[in-house]
Amino acid sequence: SGRSIDVPCCFISGKQDWGTYQRPGVFEAMQATACTRMLGCHLVDGAGHWVQQEQPNQVKRLLLQFLKRSASPAT
């Protein structure tokens, strides 16, 4: 579509989620061009599509890390 997301972004997915790999190259394109302020891109081990239920502590840690980084003036 030629548009980008220009606010702080964080992507969290289960490493075993098939959706991340459904269309080759889309994951990499999101990191490179779709989000101009990508602060984190995480594939969580031991989780599939329901990463927030399968690895809640790791997701919580990643979300808190993202919120701290996005609130800093340098971002």
PDB file of N, CA and C in Angstrom:
ATOM      1  N   SER A   1       0.814  -1.194   0.000  1.00  0.00           N
ATOM      2  CA  SER A   1       0.000   0.000   0.000  1.00  0.00           C
ATOM      3  C   SER A   1       0.859   1.259   0.000  1.00  0.00           C
ATOM      4  N   GLY A   2       2.164   1.137   0.249  1.00  0.00           N
ATOM      5  CA  GLY A   2       3.040   2.287   0.244  1.00  0.00           C
ATOM      6  C   GLY A   2       2.967   3.145   1.485  1.00  0.00           C
ATOM      7  N   ARG A   3       2.270   2.707   2.496  1.00  0.00           N
ATOM      8  CA  ARG A   3       2.154   3.467   3.736  1.00  0.00           C
ATOM      9  C   ARG A   3       3.018   2.828   4.808  1.00  0.00           C
ATOM     10  N   SER A   4       3.304   3.612   5.832  1.00  0.00           N
ATOM     11  CA  SER A   4       4.108   3.078   6.929  1.00  0.00           C
ATOM     12  C   SER A   4       3.477   3.454   8.263  1.00  0.00           C
ATOM     13  N   ILE A   5       3.878   2.744   9.282  1.00  0.00           N
ATOM     14  CA  ILE A   5       3.467   3.037  10.656  1.00  0.00           C
ATOM     15  C   ILE A   5       4.599   3.855  11.260  1.00  0.00           C
ATOM     16  N   ASP A   6       4.317   5.090  11.648  1.00  0.00           N
ATOM     17  CA  ASP A   6       5.359   6.029  12.060  1.00  0.00           C
ATOM     18  C   ASP A   6       5.312   6.376  13.540  1.00  0.00           C
ATOM     19  N   VAL A   7       4.902   5.452  14.351  1.00  0.00           N
ATOM     20  CA  VAL A   7       4.918   5.591  15.811  1.00  0.00           C
ATOM     21  C   VAL A   7       5.733   4.423  16.358  1.00  0.00           C
ATOM     22  N   PRO A   8       6.190   4.502  17.609  1.00  0.00           N
ATOM     23  CA  PRO A   8       6.947   3.377  18.161  1.00  0.00           C
ATOM     24  C   PRO A   8       6.160   2.070  18.048  1.00  0.00           C
ATOM     25  N   CYS A   9       6.831   1.026  17.572  1.00  0.00           N
ATOM     26  CA  CYS A   9       6.189  -0.272  17.335  1.00  0.00           C
ATOM     27  C   CYS A   9       6.995  -1.399  17.966  1.00  0.00           C
ATOM     28  N   CYS A  10       6.274  -2.437  18.337  1.00  0.00           N
ATOM     29  CA  CYS A  10       6.895  -3.650  18.846  1.00  0.00           C
ATOM     30  C   CYS A  10       6.093  -4.833  18.319  1.00  0.00           C
ATOM     31  N   PHE A  11       6.767  -5.824  17.786  1.00  0.00           N
ATOM     32  CA  PHE A  11       6.120  -7.029  17.275  1.00  0.00           C
ATOM     33  C   PHE A  11       6.529  -8.198  18.149  1.00  0.00           C
ATOM     34  N   ILE A  12       5.539  -8.907  18.680  1.00  0.00           N
ATOM     35  CA  ILE A  12       5.793 -10.088  19.505  1.00  0.00           C
ATOM     36  C   ILE A  12       4.961 -11.226  18.937  1.00  0.00           C
ATOM     37  N   SER A  13       5.624 -12.330  18.642  1.00  0.00           N
ATOM     38  CA  SER A  13       4.930 -13.497  18.097  1.00  0.00           C
ATOM     39  C   SER A  13       5.588 -14.755  18.634  1.00  0.00           C
ATOM     40  N   GLY A  14       4.824 -15.822  18.670  1.00  0.00           N
ATOM     41  CA  GLY A  14       5.409 -17.110  19.017  1.00  0.00           C
ATOM     42  C   GLY A  14       6.268 -17.612  17.871  1.00  0.00           C
ATOM     43  N   LYS A  15       7.413 -18.159  18.203  1.00  0.00           N
ATOM     44  CA  LYS A  15       8.320 -18.659  17.171  1.00  0.00           C
ATOM     45  C   LYS A  15       7.686 -19.790  16.359  1.00  0.00           C
ATOM     46  N   GLN A  16       6.763 -20.524  16.977  1.00  0.00           N
ATOM     47  CA  GLN A  16       6.112 -21.627  16.291  1.00  0.00           C
ATOM     48  C   GLN A  16       4.784 -21.220  15.633  1.00  0.00           C
ATOM     49  N   ASP A  17       4.465 -19.940  15.592  1.00  0.00           N
ATOM     50  CA  ASP A  17       3.242 -19.464  14.934  1.00  0.00           C
ATOM     51  C   ASP A  17       3.451 -19.492  13.422  1.00  0.00           C
ATOM     52  N   TRP A  18       2.676 -20.299  12.721  1.00  0.00           N
ATOM     53  CA  TRP A  18       2.825 -20.434  11.268  1.00  0.00           C
ATOM     54  C   TRP A  18       2.548 -19.127  10.539  1.00  0.00           C
ATOM     55  N   GLY A  19       1.745 -18.243  11.113  1.00  0.00           N
ATOM     56  CA  GLY A  19       1.369 -16.997  10.453  1.00  0.00           C
ATOM     57  C   GLY A  19       2.551 -16.095  10.135  1.00  0.00           C
ATOM     58  N   THR A  20       3.561 -16.130  10.988  1.00  0.00           N
ATOM     59  CA  THR A  20       4.746 -15.298  10.778  1.00  0.00           C
ATOM     60  C   THR A  20       5.472 -15.690   9.499  1.00  0.00           C
ATOM     61  N   TYR A  21       5.368 -16.950   9.128  1.00  0.00           N
ATOM     62  CA  TYR A  21       6.111 -17.473   7.970  1.00  0.00           C
ATOM     63  C   TYR A  21       5.204 -17.763   6.775  1.00  0.00           C
ATOM     64  N   GLN A  22       3.948 -17.360   6.855  1.00  0.00           N
ATOM     65  CA  GLN A  22       2.956 -17.697   5.834  1.00  0.00           C
ATOM     66  C   GLN A  22       3.336 -17.164   4.451  1.00  0.00           C
ATOM     67  N   ARG A  23       3.813 -15.934   4.405  1.00  0.00           N
ATOM     68  CA  ARG A  23       4.242 -15.337   3.128  1.00  0.00           C
ATOM     69  C   ARG A  23       5.710 -14.954   3.253  1.00  0.00           C
ATOM     70  N   PRO A  24       6.597 -15.674   2.581  1.00  0.00           N
ATOM     71  CA  PRO A  24       8.032 -15.408   2.691  1.00  0.00           C
ATOM     72  C   PRO A  24       8.374 -13.943   2.418  1.00  0.00           C
ATOM     73  N   GLY A  25       9.192 -13.379   3.297  1.00  0.00           N
ATOM     74  CA  GLY A  25       9.671 -12.012   3.136  1.00  0.00           C
ATOM     75  C   GLY A  25       8.842 -10.945   3.815  1.00  0.00           C
ATOM     76  N   VAL A  26       7.608 -11.250   4.201  1.00  0.00           N
ATOM     77  CA  VAL A  26       6.736 -10.238   4.807  1.00  0.00           C
ATOM     78  C   VAL A  26       7.254  -9.819   6.182  1.00  0.00           C
ATOM     79  N   PHE A  27       7.710 -10.777   6.969  1.00  0.00           N
ATOM     80  CA  PHE A  27       8.244 -10.479   8.304  1.00  0.00           C
ATOM     81  C   PHE A  27       9.436  -9.526   8.204  1.00  0.00           C
ATOM     82  N   GLU A  28      10.325  -9.804   7.287  1.00  0.00           N
ATOM     83  CA  GLU A  28      11.507  -8.956   7.094  1.00  0.00           C
ATOM     84  C   GLU A  28      11.124  -7.576   6.556  1.00  0.00           C
ATOM     85  N   ALA A  29      10.156  -7.522   5.654  1.00  0.00           N
ATOM     86  CA  ALA A  29       9.709  -6.243   5.095  1.00  0.00           C
ATOM     87  C   ALA A  29       9.072  -5.369   6.169  1.00  0.00           C
ATOM     88  N   MET A  30       8.324  -5.985   7.077  1.00  0.00           N
ATOM     89  CA  MET A  30       7.715  -5.225   8.170  1.00  0.00           C
ATOM     90  C   MET A  30       8.805  -4.547   8.995  1.00  0.00           C
ATOM     91  N   GLN A  31       9.848  -5.296   9.299  1.00  0.00           N
ATOM     92  CA  GLN A  31      10.932  -4.742  10.108  1.00  0.00           C
ATOM     93  C   GLN A  31      11.676  -3.627   9.377  1.00  0.00           C
ATOM     94  N   ALA A  32      11.857  -3.792   8.084  1.00  0.00           N
ATOM     95  CA  ALA A  32      12.679  -2.860   7.312  1.00  0.00           C
ATOM     96  C   ALA A  32      11.936  -1.611   6.860  1.00  0.00           C
ATOM     97  N   THR A  33      10.662  -1.740   6.473  1.00  0.00           N
ATOM     98  CA  THR A  33       9.998  -0.595   5.856  1.00  0.00           C
ATOM     99  C   THR A  33       8.623  -0.252   6.409  1.00  0.00           C
ATOM    100  N   ALA A  34       7.858  -1.234   6.837  1.00  0.00           N
ATOM    101  CA  ALA A  34       6.476  -0.956   7.251  1.00  0.00           C
ATOM    102  C   ALA A  34       6.408  -0.111   8.514  1.00  0.00           C
ATOM    103  N   CYS A  35       7.321  -0.351   9.435  1.00  0.00           N
ATOM    104  CA  CYS A  35       7.335   0.389  10.706  1.00  0.00           C
ATOM    105  C   CYS A  35       8.624   1.196  10.776  1.00  0.00           C
ATOM    106  N   THR A  36       8.513   2.508  10.677  1.00  0.00           N
ATOM    107  CA  THR A  36       9.708   3.352  10.648  1.00  0.00           C
ATOM    108  C   THR A  36      10.339   3.531  12.022  1.00  0.00           C
ATOM    109  N   ARG A  37       9.593   3.200  13.083  1.00  0.00           N
ATOM    110  CA  ARG A  37      10.135   3.341  14.444  1.00  0.00           C
ATOM    111  C   ARG A  37      10.025   2.008  15.195  1.00  0.00           C
ATOM    112  N   MET A  38      10.507   0.948  14.575  1.00  0.00           N
ATOM    113  CA  MET A  38      10.460  -0.388  15.165  1.00  0.00           C
ATOM    114  C   MET A  38      11.439  -0.461  16.336  1.00  0.00           C
ATOM    115  N   LEU A  39      10.909  -0.669  17.527  1.00  0.00           N
ATOM    116  CA  LEU A  39      11.738  -0.742  18.727  1.00  0.00           C
ATOM    117  C   LEU A  39      12.006  -2.172  19.165  1.00  0.00           C
ATOM    118  N   GLY A  40      11.331  -3.121  18.590  1.00  0.00           N
ATOM    119  CA  GLY A  40      11.571  -4.508  18.958  1.00  0.00           C
ATOM    120  C   GLY A  40      10.773  -5.453  18.090  1.00  0.00           C
ATOM    121  N   CYS A  41      11.402  -6.538  17.733  1.00  0.00           N
ATOM    122  CA  CYS A  41      10.764  -7.572  16.933  1.00  0.00           C
ATOM    123  C   CYS A  41      11.183  -8.897  17.553  1.00  0.00           C
ATOM    124  N   HIS A  42      10.242  -9.582  18.186  1.00  0.00           N
ATOM    125  CA  HIS A  42      10.580 -10.736  19.009  1.00  0.00           C
ATOM    126  C   HIS A  42       9.792 -11.970  18.588  1.00  0.00           C
ATOM    127  N   LEU A  43      10.495 -13.068  18.382  1.00  0.00           N
ATOM    128  CA  LEU A  43       9.883 -14.370  18.160  1.00  0.00           C
ATOM    129  C   LEU A  43      10.168 -15.190  19.413  1.00  0.00           C
ATOM    130  N   VAL A  44       9.131 -15.467  20.177  1.00  0.00           N
ATOM    131  CA  VAL A  44       9.264 -16.083  21.494  1.00  0.00           C
ATOM    132  C   VAL A  44       9.303 -17.604  21.375  1.00  0.00           C
ATOM    133  N   ASP A  45      10.361 -18.203  21.906  1.00  0.00           N
ATOM    134  CA  ASP A  45      10.490 -19.661  21.929  1.00  0.00           C
ATOM    135  C   ASP A  45       9.396 -20.284  22.780  1.00  0.00           C
ATOM    136  N   GLY A  46       8.971 -21.469  22.408  1.00  0.00           N
ATOM    137  CA  GLY A  46       7.994 -22.210  23.191  1.00  0.00           C
ATOM    138  C   GLY A  46       6.580 -21.676  23.089  1.00  0.00           C
ATOM    139  N   ALA A  47       6.300 -20.918  22.024  1.00  0.00           N
ATOM    140  CA  ALA A  47       4.957 -20.355  21.863  1.00  0.00           C
ATOM    141  C   ALA A  47       4.555 -20.380  20.395  1.00  0.00           C
ATOM    142  N   GLY A  48       3.253 -20.508  20.193  1.00  0.00           N
ATOM    143  CA  GLY A  48       2.687 -20.456  18.851  1.00  0.00           C
ATOM    144  C   GLY A  48       1.849 -19.207  18.702  1.00  0.00           C
ATOM    145  N   HIS A  49       0.641 -19.358  18.177  1.00  0.00           N
ATOM    146  CA  HIS A  49      -0.232 -18.221  17.890  1.00  0.00           C
ATOM    147  C   HIS A  49      -0.711 -17.500  19.150  1.00  0.00           C
ATOM    148  N   TRP A  50      -0.846 -18.198  20.250  1.00  0.00           N
ATOM    149  CA  TRP A  50      -1.355 -17.605  21.495  1.00  0.00           C
ATOM    150  C   TRP A  50      -0.203 -17.287  22.442  1.00  0.00           C
ATOM    151  N   VAL A  51       0.769 -16.559  21.950  1.00  0.00           N
ATOM    152  CA  VAL A  51       1.996 -16.281  22.704  1.00  0.00           C
ATOM    153  C   VAL A  51       1.714 -15.672  24.075  1.00  0.00           C
ATOM    154  N   GLN A  52       0.707 -14.814  24.187  1.00  0.00           N
ATOM    155  CA  GLN A  52       0.419 -14.161  25.466  1.00  0.00           C
ATOM    156  C   GLN A  52      -0.083 -15.155  26.507  1.00  0.00           C
ATOM    157  N   GLN A  53      -0.702 -16.250  26.079  1.00  0.00           N
ATOM    158  CA  GLN A  53      -1.138 -17.274  27.019  1.00  0.00           C
ATOM    159  C   GLN A  53      -0.063 -18.340  27.229  1.00  0.00           C
ATOM    160  N   GLU A  54       0.720 -18.607  26.212  1.00  0.00           N
ATOM    161  CA  GLU A  54       1.714 -19.675  26.279  1.00  0.00           C
ATOM    162  C   GLU A  54       2.994 -19.250  26.994  1.00  0.00           C
ATOM    163  N   GLN A  55       3.356 -17.986  26.890  1.00  0.00           N
ATOM    164  CA  GLN A  55       4.565 -17.462  27.544  1.00  0.00           C
ATOM    165  C   GLN A  55       4.260 -16.090  28.159  1.00  0.00           C
ATOM    166  N   PRO A  56       3.316 -16.023  29.117  1.00  0.00           N
ATOM    167  CA  PRO A  56       2.871 -14.724  29.638  1.00  0.00           C
ATOM    168  C   PRO A  56       3.975 -13.900  30.297  1.00  0.00           C
ATOM    169  N   ASN A  57       4.875 -14.530  31.012  1.00  0.00           N
ATOM    170  CA  ASN A  57       5.932 -13.763  31.683  1.00  0.00           C
ATOM    171  C   ASN A  57       6.892 -13.134  30.687  1.00  0.00           C
ATOM    172  N   GLN A  58       7.215 -13.861  29.641  1.00  0.00           N
ATOM    173  CA  GLN A  58       8.113 -13.302  28.635  1.00  0.00           C
ATOM    174  C   GLN A  58       7.433 -12.164  27.871  1.00  0.00           C
ATOM    175  N   VAL A  59       6.158 -12.328  27.540  1.00  0.00           N
ATOM    176  CA  VAL A  59       5.417 -11.264  26.851  1.00  0.00           C
ATOM    177  C   VAL A  59       5.320 -10.036  27.741  1.00  0.00           C
ATOM    178  N   LYS A  60       5.042 -10.236  29.006  1.00  0.00           N
ATOM    179  CA  LYS A  60       4.969  -9.110  29.952  1.00  0.00           C
ATOM    180  C   LYS A  60       6.302  -8.368  30.005  1.00  0.00           C
ATOM    181  N   ARG A  61       7.392  -9.105  30.071  1.00  0.00           N
ATOM    182  CA  ARG A  61       8.721  -8.485  30.121  1.00  0.00           C
ATOM    183  C   ARG A  61       8.987  -7.678  28.849  1.00  0.00           C
ATOM    184  N   LEU A  62       8.647  -8.238  27.698  1.00  0.00           N
ATOM    185  CA  LEU A  62       8.872  -7.543  26.427  1.00  0.00           C
ATOM    186  C   LEU A  62       7.998  -6.299  26.294  1.00  0.00           C
ATOM    187  N   LEU A  63       6.750  -6.380  26.743  1.00  0.00           N
ATOM    188  CA  LEU A  63       5.858  -5.213  26.693  1.00  0.00           C
ATOM    189  C   LEU A  63       6.349  -4.095  27.606  1.00  0.00           C
ATOM    190  N   LEU A  64       6.763  -4.447  28.812  1.00  0.00           N
ATOM    191  CA  LEU A  64       7.279  -3.422  29.729  1.00  0.00           C
ATOM    192  C   LEU A  64       8.545  -2.782  29.174  1.00  0.00           C
ATOM    193  N   GLN A  65       9.410  -3.589  28.584  1.00  0.00           N
ATOM    194  CA  GLN A  65      10.629  -3.073  27.953  1.00  0.00           C
ATOM    195  C   GLN A  65      10.268  -2.093  26.828  1.00  0.00           C
ATOM    196  N   PHE A  66       9.304  -2.459  26.007  1.00  0.00           N
ATOM    197  CA  PHE A  66       8.860  -1.591  24.917  1.00  0.00           C
ATOM    198  C   PHE A  66       8.283  -0.281  25.450  1.00  0.00           C
ATOM    199  N   LEU A  67       7.432  -0.357  26.457  1.00  0.00           N
ATOM    200  CA  LEU A  67       6.819   0.856  27.013  1.00  0.00           C
ATOM    201  C   LEU A  67       7.864   1.796  27.593  1.00  0.00           C
ATOM    202  N   LYS A  68       8.860   1.260  28.260  1.00  0.00           N
ATOM    203  CA  LYS A  68       9.939   2.098  28.800  1.00  0.00           C
ATOM    204  C   LYS A  68      10.718   2.768  27.676  1.00  0.00           C
ATOM    205  N   ARG A  69      11.052   2.001  26.647  1.00  0.00           N
ATOM    206  CA  ARG A  69      11.809   2.566  25.522  1.00  0.00           C
ATOM    207  C   ARG A  69      10.997   3.601  24.755  1.00  0.00           C
ATOM    208  N   SER A  70       9.708   3.340  24.562  1.00  0.00           N
ATOM    209  CA  SER A  70       8.892   4.273  23.778  1.00  0.00           C
ATOM    210  C   SER A  70       8.598   5.554  24.543  1.00  0.00           C
ATOM    211  N   ALA A  71       8.703   5.515  25.863  1.00  0.00           N
ATOM    212  CA  ALA A  71       8.458   6.705  26.678  1.00  0.00           C
ATOM    213  C   ALA A  71       9.695   7.582  26.815  1.00  0.00           C
ATOM    214  N   SER A  72      10.861   7.063  26.449  1.00  0.00           N
ATOM    215  CA  SER A  72      12.085   7.846  26.602  1.00  0.00           C
ATOM    216  C   SER A  72      12.149   8.937  25.537  1.00  0.00           C
ATOM    217  N   PRO A  73      12.700  10.101  25.879  1.00  0.00           N
ATOM    218  CA  PRO A  73      12.761  11.232  24.937  1.00  0.00           C
ATOM    219  C   PRO A  73      13.570  10.941  23.676  1.00  0.00           C
ATOM    220  N   ALA A  74      14.510  10.013  23.738  1.00  0.00           N
ATOM    221  CA  ALA A  74      15.373   9.722  22.586  1.00  0.00           C
ATOM    222  C   ALA A  74      14.649   8.945  21.501  1.00  0.00           C
ATOM    223  N   THR A  75      13.472   8.427  21.791  1.00  0.00           N
ATOM    224  CA  THR A  75      12.759   7.586  20.826  1.00  0.00           C
ATOM    225  C   THR A  75      11.963   8.405  19.837  1.00  0.00           C
TER     226      THR A  75
END
